[in-house]
Every structure is written in C-alpha cells, then in structure tokens.
Amino acid sequence: MSKCDSPQFSDKDEEIQYWKSLAEEYLQDAERIQKESDEFIAESQQLDKEYEATIDQNEKKIKELTLANNRAQNELDSLRMKLEQCNKDNANLETEILELKTEKAQMAQYIRDLEQKNDDLERSRRIIEESIAGIETAFHSAIERNAILESEVDEKESLKEKLQRLADETRDLKQELLVREREKCPDNERMMNGFKNPIVDSNRLKENETQTTPIKHDFQAPISPASRVMALNIVSDLIRKVGGLERRLEKSRYDYRDISTSDLR
C-alpha cells in the first residue's frame, strides 16, 4: 500500500499504531537525511576549505606564473633585441669578412708582386755581383798589366839610355872616323877646311857638324856599309821597342780609366 493512500483502519489503535510507525519511519528518514546533510555540509565545508586553499595556491601560482611570464617576456624582448643586434653584428661581420677577403686577395697579389720584384732584385744583385767580380778581375788584370808596363817603362827608360849611349858612341865613331880621314888628307886640304891642328876633340867636331855647310860634308869620309847597317839595325830595333812600349802604356792607361769610370758608376 502506498504511503499517499489513506488506509482504512478498523479501530483507532490500529490507526495510531500505523501513524506511529509511519512517524518513526519519517523520523528515521529525517535523522538519516540530517546526518547525510551534516556529513554533506561537513564535506562541503572541507571541500570549500580545500577549494579555497587550492584557489589560493592557484592564485599564487598564477601570480608566480604571471611574474615568470613577465620576466620571460622581458627576457624574450631582451633576447629579441640581442638577436637583432647579433643580426646587425653578423651583417657587419660579413661585410668586414668580405672586405678582409678583398684585402687578403690584394695582399696576396702585393706579396706576389713583391716576390717577383725580390726575384728581379736577386737577379740584378747576382748580375751586379758577377759584373763586380768581372770588374775586379779586370781591375786586377789591369793592375798586373800596369805593373808589367811599369817594368816595361823602366825597361824603356833603360833602352832610351842605351839608345842615347849608342847614339853618342855612333857620333863619336863618326867624329873619330872623320878625324882619321882628315889626318890622311894633304895639308893644303886641311888648311882649306880651316884645320891647323891634327888633333880635334869631339866637342869641336860636334860644333863643326852643326855649323859647316853641306859642301864641307862632302869631304867627310863615309862609314863602312857593315857598320852603318849594324848601327841602323840597332837604332831601328830600339825605336821599335820604344814605340811598342809607348803603345802598350797608352792602352793600359785607357783600360785603367775605363775601369775607374765603371767603379764610380
């Protein structure tokens, strides 16, 4: 039977008992509901406390995360600025790298040019050293030739002295032959020639040779062909030697002047 239907009772006691039992059931239900309500309220309060604590924690976390987000945003902005600066620096460095590469290529070309010039200078130095060595050799040779020529000049002077002595001896021989020939001539011829004394010295004959006319020389006795040839050979040989020495001395002086001029240059 449903609780909403009004039951039919046979007497009041039954009705009272019925309603009493129904009241007890409702009371039990109310107590159970109250207990459940108290438990629910307690649990709700506990949950509220937990939720409030969780909310507080979440708010703190939100604040912390907000601060962290702000810091991260600031760091991100700073990193962006640094990145932009790095990009600018990178662009500048790339430009500098290109300039350095260009300078490197120019320096490499300059170094190659310097090496080429150095090689040219080395070749020029070797050529100059060889030229100097050749000049020194020629100079030493010229000094040796000069020494030889000086000795030959001394020999030339000695030959000149010998030539002069031979010329003097030849003149004396001519004068002596002339005196002897005149001694053999008659006295009248000697008177015609202006000689009074049979003895004539060499100085007097020299003066007569320079002062007499060509007619008087016709009376001089000729020198023998053998003596003339020998004297002429000696004189020509000495003259030839002296001329050769003079030519060699002049050539040596010319070579020495050339070497001195080359050294000065």
C-alpha atoms as a PDB file:
ATOM      1  CA  MET A   1       0.000   0.000   0.000  1.00  0.00           C
ATOM      2  CA  SER A   2       1.275   3.420  -0.906  1.00  0.00           C
ATOM      3  CA  LYS A   3       2.059   5.968   1.752  1.00  0.00           C
ATOM      4  CA  CYS A   4      -0.035   8.556  -0.013  1.00  0.00           C
ATOM      5  CA  ASP A   5      -3.183   6.460   0.098  1.00  0.00           C
ATOM      6  CA  SER A   6      -5.255   6.852   3.210  1.00  0.00           C
ATOM      7  CA  PRO A   7      -5.527   3.440   4.773  1.00  0.00           C
ATOM      8  CA  GLN A   8      -8.676   2.085   6.273  1.00  0.00           C
ATOM      9  CA  PHE A   9      -8.452   1.218   9.922  1.00  0.00           C
ATOM     10  CA  SER A  10     -10.708  -0.969  11.889  1.00  0.00           C
ATOM     11  CA  ASP A  11     -10.107   0.834  15.099  1.00  0.00           C
ATOM     12  CA  LYS A  12      -8.150   3.781  16.490  1.00  0.00           C
ATOM     13  CA  ASP A  13      -5.406   1.726  17.987  1.00  0.00           C
ATOM     14  CA  GLU A  14      -4.550   0.313  14.653  1.00  0.00           C
ATOM     15  CA  GLU A  15      -4.616   3.790  13.175  1.00  0.00           C
ATOM     16  CA  ILE A  16      -2.426   5.120  15.963  1.00  0.00           C
ATOM     17  CA  GLN A  17      -0.053   2.260  15.564  1.00  0.00           C
ATOM     18  CA  TYR A  18       0.055   2.861  11.881  1.00  0.00           C
ATOM     19  CA  TRP A  19       0.731   6.535  12.177  1.00  0.00           C
ATOM     20  CA  LYS A  20       3.204   5.951  14.920  1.00  0.00           C
ATOM     21  CA  SER A  21       5.178   3.525  12.837  1.00  0.00           C
ATOM     22  CA  LEU A  22       4.961   5.879   9.894  1.00  0.00           C
ATOM     23  CA  ALA A  23       6.184   8.723  12.060  1.00  0.00           C
ATOM     24  CA  GLU A  24       9.067   6.608  13.243  1.00  0.00           C
ATOM     25  CA  GLU A  25       9.960   5.850   9.644  1.00  0.00           C
ATOM     26  CA  TYR A  26       9.837   9.527   8.748  1.00  0.00           C
ATOM     27  CA  LEU A  27      11.853  10.325  11.820  1.00  0.00           C
ATOM     28  CA  GLN A  28      14.446   7.782  10.863  1.00  0.00           C
ATOM     29  CA  ASP A  29      14.463   9.159   7.344  1.00  0.00           C
ATOM     30  CA  ALA A  30      14.797  12.670   8.691  1.00  0.00           C
ATOM     31  CA  GLU A  31      17.613  11.636  11.000  1.00  0.00           C
ATOM     32  CA  ARG A  32      19.298   9.831   8.155  1.00  0.00           C
ATOM     33  CA  ILE A  33      18.821  12.827   5.866  1.00  0.00           C
ATOM     34  CA  GLN A  34      20.012  15.177   8.613  1.00  0.00           C
ATOM     35  CA  LYS A  35      23.018  13.002   9.152  1.00  0.00           C
ATOM     36  CA  GLU A  36      23.680  12.884   5.464  1.00  0.00           C
ATOM     37  CA  SER A  37      23.130  16.617   5.316  1.00  0.00           C
ATOM     38  CA  ASP A  38      25.555  17.179   8.166  1.00  0.00           C
ATOM     39  CA  GLU A  39      28.050  14.936   6.507  1.00  0.00           C
ATOM     40  CA  PHE A  40      27.471  16.727   3.207  1.00  0.00           C
ATOM     41  CA  ILE A  41      27.829  20.091   4.903  1.00  0.00           C
ATOM     42  CA  ALA A  42      30.987  18.944   6.624  1.00  0.00           C
ATOM     43  CA  GLU A  43      32.310  17.548   3.413  1.00  0.00           C
ATOM     44  CA  SER A  44      31.231  20.712   1.612  1.00  0.00           C
ATOM     45  CA  GLN A  45      32.997  22.843   4.176  1.00  0.00           C
ATOM     46  CA  GLN A  46      36.037  20.634   3.876  1.00  0.00           C
ATOM     47  CA  LEU A  47      35.818  20.873   0.122  1.00  0.00           C
ATOM     48  CA  ASP A  48      35.359  24.641   0.398  1.00  0.00           C
ATOM     49  CA  LYS A  49      38.434  24.868   2.537  1.00  0.00           C
ATOM     50  CA  GLU A  50      40.294  22.653   0.137  1.00  0.00           C
ATOM     51  CA  TYR A  51      38.984  24.628  -2.815  1.00  0.00           C
ATOM     52  CA  GLU A  52      39.899  27.893  -1.117  1.00  0.00           C
ATOM     53  CA  ALA A  53      43.359  26.555  -0.376  1.00  0.00           C
ATOM     54  CA  THR A  54      43.583  25.291  -3.917  1.00  0.00           C
ATOM     55  CA  ILE A  55      42.335  28.631  -5.205  1.00  0.00           C
ATOM     56  CA  ASP A  56      44.893  30.444  -3.056  1.00  0.00           C
ATOM     57  CA  GLN A  57      47.590  28.151  -4.300  1.00  0.00           C
ATOM     58  CA  ASN A  58      46.378  28.557  -7.843  1.00  0.00           C
ATOM     59  CA  GLU A  59      46.253  32.331  -7.418  1.00  0.00           C
ATOM     60  CA  LYS A  60      49.772  32.265  -6.031  1.00  0.00           C
ATOM     61  CA  LYS A  61      50.797  30.060  -8.906  1.00  0.00           C
ATOM     62  CA  ILE A  62      49.006  32.380 -11.307  1.00  0.00           C
ATOM     63  CA  LYS A  63      50.819  35.354  -9.783  1.00  0.00           C
ATOM     64  CA  GLU A  64      54.105  33.483  -9.913  1.00  0.00           C
ATOM     65  CA  LEU A  65      53.397  32.358 -13.444  1.00  0.00           C
ATOM     66  CA  THR A  66      52.386  35.905 -14.355  1.00  0.00           C
ATOM     67  CA  LEU A  67      55.618  37.218 -12.892  1.00  0.00           C
ATOM     68  CA  ALA A  68      57.520  34.439 -14.611  1.00  0.00           C
ATOM     69  CA  ASN A  69      55.658  35.213 -17.821  1.00  0.00           C
ATOM     70  CA  ASN A  70      56.516  38.884 -17.463  1.00  0.00           C
ATOM     71  CA  ARG A  71      60.126  38.001 -16.784  1.00  0.00           C
ATOM     72  CA  ALA A  72      60.095  35.602 -19.709  1.00  0.00           C
ATOM     73  CA  GLN A  73      58.505  38.288 -21.872  1.00  0.00           C
ATOM     74  CA  ASN A  74      61.139  40.766 -20.778  1.00  0.00           C
ATOM     75  CA  GLU A  75      63.833  38.205 -21.403  1.00  0.00           C
ATOM     76  CA  LEU A  76      62.229  37.429 -24.747  1.00  0.00           C
ATOM     77  CA  ASP A  77      62.220  41.123 -25.634  1.00  0.00           C
ATOM     78  CA  SER A  78      65.822  41.370 -24.483  1.00  0.00           C
ATOM     79  CA  LEU A  79      66.721  38.279 -26.491  1.00  0.00           C
ATOM     80  CA  ARG A  80      64.917  39.718 -29.499  1.00  0.00           C
ATOM     81  CA  MET A  81      66.903  42.920 -29.133  1.00  0.00           C
ATOM     82  CA  LYS A  82      70.075  40.887 -28.703  1.00  0.00           C
ATOM     83  CA  LEU A  83      69.119  38.799 -31.718  1.00  0.00           C
ATOM     84  CA  GLU A  84      68.554  41.936 -33.768  1.00  0.00           C
ATOM     85  CA  GLN A  85      71.882  43.300 -32.542  1.00  0.00           C
ATOM     86  CA  CYS A  86      73.519  39.965 -33.327  1.00  0.00           C
ATOM     87  CA  ASN A  87      71.989  40.062 -36.794  1.00  0.00           C
ATOM     88  CA  LYS A  88      73.349  43.570 -37.267  1.00  0.00           C
ATOM     89  CA  ASP A  89      76.725  42.484 -35.913  1.00  0.00           C
ATOM     90  CA  ASN A  90      76.612  39.431 -38.152  1.00  0.00           C
ATOM     91  CA  ALA A  91      75.846  41.623 -41.163  1.00  0.00           C
ATOM     92  CA  ASN A  92      78.696  43.949 -40.189  1.00  0.00           C
ATOM     93  CA  LEU A  93      80.994  40.973 -39.683  1.00  0.00           C
ATOM     94  CA  GLU A  94      80.026  39.563 -43.063  1.00  0.00           C
ATOM     95  CA  THR A  95      80.805  42.949 -44.605  1.00  0.00           C
ATOM     96  CA  GLU A  96      84.136  43.019 -42.761  1.00  0.00           C
ATOM     97  CA  ILE A  97      84.809  39.439 -43.875  1.00  0.00           C
ATOM     98  CA  LEU A  98      84.189  40.435 -47.486  1.00  0.00           C
ATOM     99  CA  GLU A  99      86.463  43.446 -47.043  1.00  0.00           C
ATOM    100  CA  LEU A 100      89.103  41.252 -45.388  1.00  0.00           C
ATOM    101  CA  LYS A 101      88.830  38.737 -48.216  1.00  0.00           C
ATOM    102  CA  THR A 102      89.300  41.567 -50.702  1.00  0.00           C
ATOM    103  CA  GLU A 103      92.251  42.896 -48.699  1.00  0.00           C
ATOM    104  CA  LYS A 104      93.634  39.354 -48.456  1.00  0.00           C
ATOM    105  CA  ALA A 105      93.427  38.970 -52.224  1.00  0.00           C
ATOM    106  CA  GLN A 106      95.077  42.367 -52.651  1.00  0.00           C
ATOM    107  CA  MET A 107      97.779  41.469 -50.117  1.00  0.00           C
ATOM    108  CA  ALA A 108      98.344  38.132 -51.852  1.00  0.00           C
ATOM    109  CA  GLN A 109      98.742  39.976 -55.159  1.00  0.00           C
ATOM    110  CA  TYR A 110     101.010  42.510 -53.442  1.00  0.00           C
ATOM    111  CA  ILE A 111     103.069  39.678 -51.941  1.00  0.00           C
ATOM    112  CA  ARG A 112     103.346  38.034 -55.364  1.00  0.00           C
ATOM    113  CA  ASP A 113     104.448  41.366 -56.826  1.00  0.00           C
ATOM    114  CA  LEU A 114     106.977  41.781 -54.013  1.00  0.00           C
ATOM    115  CA  GLU A 115     108.252  38.244 -54.570  1.00  0.00           C
ATOM    116  CA  GLN A 116     108.574  38.992 -58.286  1.00  0.00           C
ATOM    117  CA  LYS A 117     110.401  42.237 -57.508  1.00  0.00           C
ATOM    118  CA  ASN A 118     112.554  40.362 -54.992  1.00  0.00           C
ATOM    119  CA  ASP A 119     113.413  37.783 -57.639  1.00  0.00           C
ATOM    120  CA  ASP A 120     114.223  40.591 -60.073  1.00  0.00           C
ATOM    121  CA  LEU A 121     116.371  42.280 -57.434  1.00  0.00           C
ATOM    122  CA  GLU A 122     118.093  38.979 -56.672  1.00  0.00           C
ATOM    123  CA  ARG A 123     118.833  38.504 -60.363  1.00  0.00           C
ATOM    124  CA  SER A 124     120.034  42.103 -60.591  1.00  0.00           C
ATOM    125  CA  ARG A 125     122.169  41.577 -57.490  1.00  0.00           C
ATOM    126  CA  ARG A 126     123.686  38.420 -58.945  1.00  0.00           C
ATOM    127  CA  ILE A 127     124.319  40.216 -62.231  1.00  0.00           C
ATOM    128  CA  ILE A 128     125.882  43.147 -60.349  1.00  0.00           C
ATOM    129  CA  GLU A 129     127.989  40.768 -58.257  1.00  0.00           C
ATOM    130  CA  GLU A 130     129.111  38.994 -61.410  1.00  0.00           C
ATOM    131  CA  SER A 131     129.825  42.377 -63.010  1.00  0.00           C
ATOM    132  CA  ILE A 132     131.730  43.473 -59.908  1.00  0.00           C
ATOM    133  CA  ALA A 133     133.658  40.202 -59.942  1.00  0.00           C
ATOM    134  CA  GLY A 134     134.417  40.732 -63.629  1.00  0.00           C
ATOM    135  CA  ILE A 135     135.408  44.337 -62.960  1.00  0.00           C
ATOM    136  CA  GLU A 136     137.589  43.250 -60.045  1.00  0.00           C
ATOM    137  CA  THR A 137     139.186  40.590 -62.229  1.00  0.00           C
ATOM    138  CA  ALA A 138     139.706  43.136 -64.987  1.00  0.00           C
ATOM    139  CA  PHE A 139     140.974  45.624 -62.407  1.00  0.00           C
ATOM    140  CA  HIS A 140     143.462  43.118 -61.007  1.00  0.00           C
ATOM    141  CA  SER A 141     144.457  42.198 -64.537  1.00  0.00           C
ATOM    142  CA  ALA A 142     144.863  45.893 -65.316  1.00  0.00           C
ATOM    143  CA  ILE A 143     146.933  46.317 -62.155  1.00  0.00           C
ATOM    144  CA  GLU A 144     149.087  43.383 -63.218  1.00  0.00           C
ATOM    145  CA  ARG A 145     149.362  44.802 -66.742  1.00  0.00           C
ATOM    146  CA  ASN A 146     150.133  48.191 -65.233  1.00  0.00           C
ATOM    147  CA  ALA A 147     152.865  46.640 -63.106  1.00  0.00           C
ATOM    148  CA  ILE A 148     154.204  44.861 -66.185  1.00  0.00           C
ATOM    149  CA  LEU A 149     154.003  48.089 -68.168  1.00  0.00           C
ATOM    150  CA  GLU A 150     155.730  49.986 -65.386  1.00  0.00           C
ATOM    151  CA  SER A 151     158.519  47.460 -65.516  1.00  0.00           C
ATOM    152  CA  GLU A 152     158.479  47.805 -69.297  1.00  0.00           C
ATOM    153  CA  VAL A 153     158.535  51.595 -68.900  1.00  0.00           C
ATOM    154  CA  ASP A 154     161.574  51.189 -66.709  1.00  0.00           C
ATOM    155  CA  GLU A 155     162.989  48.961 -69.411  1.00  0.00           C
ATOM    156  CA  LYS A 156     162.035  51.650 -71.939  1.00  0.00           C
ATOM    157  CA  GLU A 157     163.938  54.246 -69.945  1.00  0.00           C
ATOM    158  CA  SER A 158     166.879  51.874 -69.775  1.00  0.00           C
ATOM    159  CA  LEU A 159     166.601  51.304 -73.531  1.00  0.00           C
ATOM    160  CA  LYS A 160     166.423  55.056 -74.078  1.00  0.00           C
ATOM    161  CA  GLU A 161     169.606  55.438 -72.061  1.00  0.00           C
ATOM    162  CA  LYS A 162     171.222  52.640 -74.079  1.00  0.00           C
ATOM    163  CA  LEU A 163     169.975  54.274 -77.286  1.00  0.00           C
ATOM    164  CA  GLN A 164     171.396  57.585 -76.164  1.00  0.00           C
ATOM    165  CA  ARG A 165     174.719  55.930 -75.326  1.00  0.00           C
ATOM    166  CA  LEU A 166     174.728  54.170 -78.698  1.00  0.00           C
ATOM    167  CA  ALA A 167     173.872  57.456 -80.412  1.00  0.00           C
ATOM    168  CA  ASP A 168     176.699  59.142 -78.546  1.00  0.00           C
ATOM    169  CA  GLU A 169     179.042  56.301 -79.417  1.00  0.00           C
ATOM    170  CA  THR A 170     177.906  56.452 -83.053  1.00  0.00           C
ATOM    171  CA  ARG A 171     178.506  60.190 -83.117  1.00  0.00           C
ATOM    172  CA  ASP A 172     181.894  59.722 -81.507  1.00  0.00           C
ATOM    173  CA  LEU A 173     182.717  56.998 -84.039  1.00  0.00           C
ATOM    174  CA  LYS A 174     181.690  59.286 -86.880  1.00  0.00           C
ATOM    175  CA  GLN A 175     183.794  62.069 -85.467  1.00  0.00           C
ATOM    176  CA  GLU A 176     186.753  59.734 -84.945  1.00  0.00           C
ATOM    177  CA  LEU A 177     186.414  58.391 -88.479  1.00  0.00           C
ATOM    178  CA  LEU A 178     186.198  61.938 -89.757  1.00  0.00           C
ATOM    179  CA  VAL A 179     189.350  62.878 -87.830  1.00  0.00           C
ATOM    180  CA  ARG A 180     191.220  59.863 -89.145  1.00  0.00           C
ATOM    181  CA  GLU A 181     190.163  60.556 -92.701  1.00  0.00           C
ATOM    182  CA  ARG A 182     191.194  64.167 -92.375  1.00  0.00           C
ATOM    183  CA  GLU A 183     194.579  63.131 -90.976  1.00  0.00           C
ATOM    184  CA  LYS A 184     195.145  61.192 -94.180  1.00  0.00           C
ATOM    185  CA  CYS A 185     194.256  64.208 -96.365  1.00  0.00           C
ATOM    186  CA  PRO A 186     197.059  66.638 -97.590  1.00  0.00           C
ATOM    187  CA  ASP A 187     197.946  69.658 -95.534  1.00  0.00           C
ATOM    188  CA  ASN A 188     196.523  72.052 -98.096  1.00  0.00           C
ATOM    189  CA  GLU A 189     193.123  70.412 -97.841  1.00  0.00           C
ATOM    190  CA  ARG A 190     193.267  70.735 -94.092  1.00  0.00           C
ATOM    191  CA  MET A 191     194.190  74.378 -94.488  1.00  0.00           C
ATOM    192  CA  MET A 192     191.273  74.867 -96.839  1.00  0.00           C
ATOM    193  CA  ASN A 193     188.954  73.309 -94.344  1.00  0.00           C
ATOM    194  CA  GLY A 194     190.332  75.611 -91.630  1.00  0.00           C
ATOM    195  CA  PHE A 195     192.079  72.940 -89.513  1.00  0.00           C
ATOM    196  CA  LYS A 196     195.501  73.813 -88.130  1.00  0.00           C
ATOM    197  CA  ASN A 197     195.937  71.117 -85.512  1.00  0.00           C
ATOM    198  CA  PRO A 198     195.851  67.415 -86.340  1.00  0.00           C
ATOM    199  CA  ILE A 199     194.071  66.535 -83.081  1.00  0.00           C
ATOM    200  CA  VAL A 200     190.398  67.510 -82.861  1.00  0.00           C
ATOM    201  CA  ASP A 201     188.211  66.759 -79.863  1.00  0.00           C
ATOM    202  CA  SER A 202     184.637  65.515 -80.055  1.00  0.00           C
ATOM    203  CA  ASN A 203     183.068  68.793 -78.922  1.00  0.00           C
ATOM    204  CA  ARG A 204     184.877  70.711 -81.625  1.00  0.00           C
ATOM    205  CA  LEU A 205     183.724  68.206 -84.223  1.00  0.00           C
ATOM    206  CA  LYS A 206     180.147  68.496 -82.971  1.00  0.00           C
ATOM    207  CA  GLU A 207     180.267  72.257 -83.405  1.00  0.00           C
ATOM    208  CA  ASN A 208     181.720  71.822 -86.880  1.00  0.00           C
ATOM    209  CA  GLU A 209     178.974  69.372 -87.823  1.00  0.00           C
ATOM    210  CA  THR A 210     176.283  71.832 -86.776  1.00  0.00           C
ATOM    211  CA  GLN A 211     177.944  74.936 -88.270  1.00  0.00           C
ATOM    212  CA  THR A 212     179.536  73.742 -91.501  1.00  0.00           C
ATOM    213  CA  THR A 213     177.779  73.909 -94.846  1.00  0.00           C
ATOM    214  CA  PRO A 214     176.713  70.879 -96.883  1.00  0.00           C
ATOM    215  CA  ILE A 215     179.724  71.444 -99.185  1.00  0.00           C
ATOM    216  CA  LYS A 216     182.114  70.736 -96.316  1.00  0.00           C
ATOM    217  CA  HIS A 217     180.283  67.487 -95.503  1.00  0.00           C
ATOM    218  CA  ASP A 218     181.255  66.216 -98.925  1.00  0.00           C
ATOM    219  CA  PHE A 219     184.780  65.880 -97.611  1.00  0.00           C
ATOM    220  CA  GLN A 220     183.746  63.627 -94.691  1.00  0.00           C
ATOM    221  CA  ALA A 221     184.766  60.018 -95.019  1.00  0.00           C
ATOM    222  CA  PRO A 222     181.754  57.656 -95.331  1.00  0.00           C
ATOM    223  CA  ILE A 223     181.102  54.966 -92.734  1.00  0.00           C
ATOM    224  CA  SER A 224     181.593  51.398 -93.844  1.00  0.00           C
ATOM    225  CA  PRO A 225     178.403  49.644 -95.014  1.00  0.00           C
ATOM    226  CA  ALA A 226     178.629  46.927 -92.361  1.00  0.00           C
ATOM    227  CA  SER A 227     178.955  49.468 -89.537  1.00  0.00           C
ATOM    228  CA  ARG A 228     176.130  51.564 -90.975  1.00  0.00           C
ATOM    229  CA  VAL A 229     173.805  48.542 -91.297  1.00  0.00           C
ATOM    230  CA  MET A 230     174.592  47.333 -87.794  1.00  0.00           C
ATOM    231  CA  ALA A 231     174.066  50.784 -86.284  1.00  0.00           C
ATOM    232  CA  LEU A 232     170.827  51.283 -88.209  1.00  0.00           C
ATOM    233  CA  ASN A 233     169.542  47.849 -87.141  1.00  0.00           C
ATOM    234  CA  ILE A 234     170.319  48.574 -83.509  1.00  0.00           C
ATOM    235  CA  VAL A 235     168.711  52.011 -83.667  1.00  0.00           C
ATOM    236  CA  SER A 236     165.585  50.768 -85.527  1.00  0.00           C
ATOM    237  CA  ASP A 237     165.189  47.842 -83.113  1.00  0.00           C
ATOM    238  CA  LEU A 238     165.414  50.181 -80.137  1.00  0.00           C
ATOM    239  CA  ILE A 239     162.976  52.628 -81.738  1.00  0.00           C
ATOM    240  CA  ARG A 240     160.536  49.781 -82.462  1.00  0.00           C
ATOM    241  CA  LYS A 241     160.722  48.551 -78.861  1.00  0.00           C
ATOM    242  CA  VAL A 242     160.208  52.062 -77.514  1.00  0.00           C
ATOM    243  CA  GLY A 243     157.184  52.586 -79.802  1.00  0.00           C
ATOM    244  CA  GLY A 244     155.651  49.260 -78.727  1.00  0.00           C
ATOM    245  CA  LEU A 245     156.138  50.155 -75.079  1.00  0.00           C
ATOM    246  CA  GLU A 246     154.518  53.553 -75.625  1.00  0.00           C
ATOM    247  CA  ARG A 247     151.500  51.966 -77.337  1.00  0.00           C
ATOM    248  CA  ARG A 248     151.075  49.382 -74.591  1.00  0.00           C
ATOM    249  CA  LEU A 249     151.422  52.056 -71.922  1.00  0.00           C
ATOM    250  CA  GLU A 250     148.759  54.199 -73.620  1.00  0.00           C
ATOM    251  CA  LYS A 251     146.410  51.187 -73.942  1.00  0.00           C
ATOM    252  CA  SER A 252     146.922  50.334 -70.260  1.00  0.00           C
ATOM    253  CA  ARG A 253     146.121  53.900 -69.241  1.00  0.00           C
ATOM    254  CA  TYR A 254     142.951  53.816 -71.376  1.00  0.00           C
ATOM    255  CA  ASP A 255     141.822  50.489 -69.812  1.00  0.00           C
ATOM    256  CA  TYR A 256     142.566  51.818 -66.339  1.00  0.00           C
ATOM    257  CA  ARG A 257     140.441  54.921 -66.996  1.00  0.00           C
ATOM    258  CA  ASP A 258     137.552  52.703 -68.211  1.00  0.00           C
ATOM    259  CA  ILE A 259     137.733  50.536 -65.085  1.00  0.00           C
ATOM    260  CA  SER A 260     137.848  53.588 -62.812  1.00  0.00           C
ATOM    261  CA  THR A 261     134.821  55.078 -64.594  1.00  0.00           C
ATOM    262  CA  SER A 262     132.880  51.797 -64.206  1.00  0.00           C
ATOM    263  CA  ASP A 263     133.685  51.654 -60.469  1.00  0.00           C
ATOM    264  CA  LEU A 264     132.488  55.216 -59.985  1.00  0.00           C
ATOM    265  CA  ARG A 265     129.189  54.390 -61.695  1.00  0.00           C
END
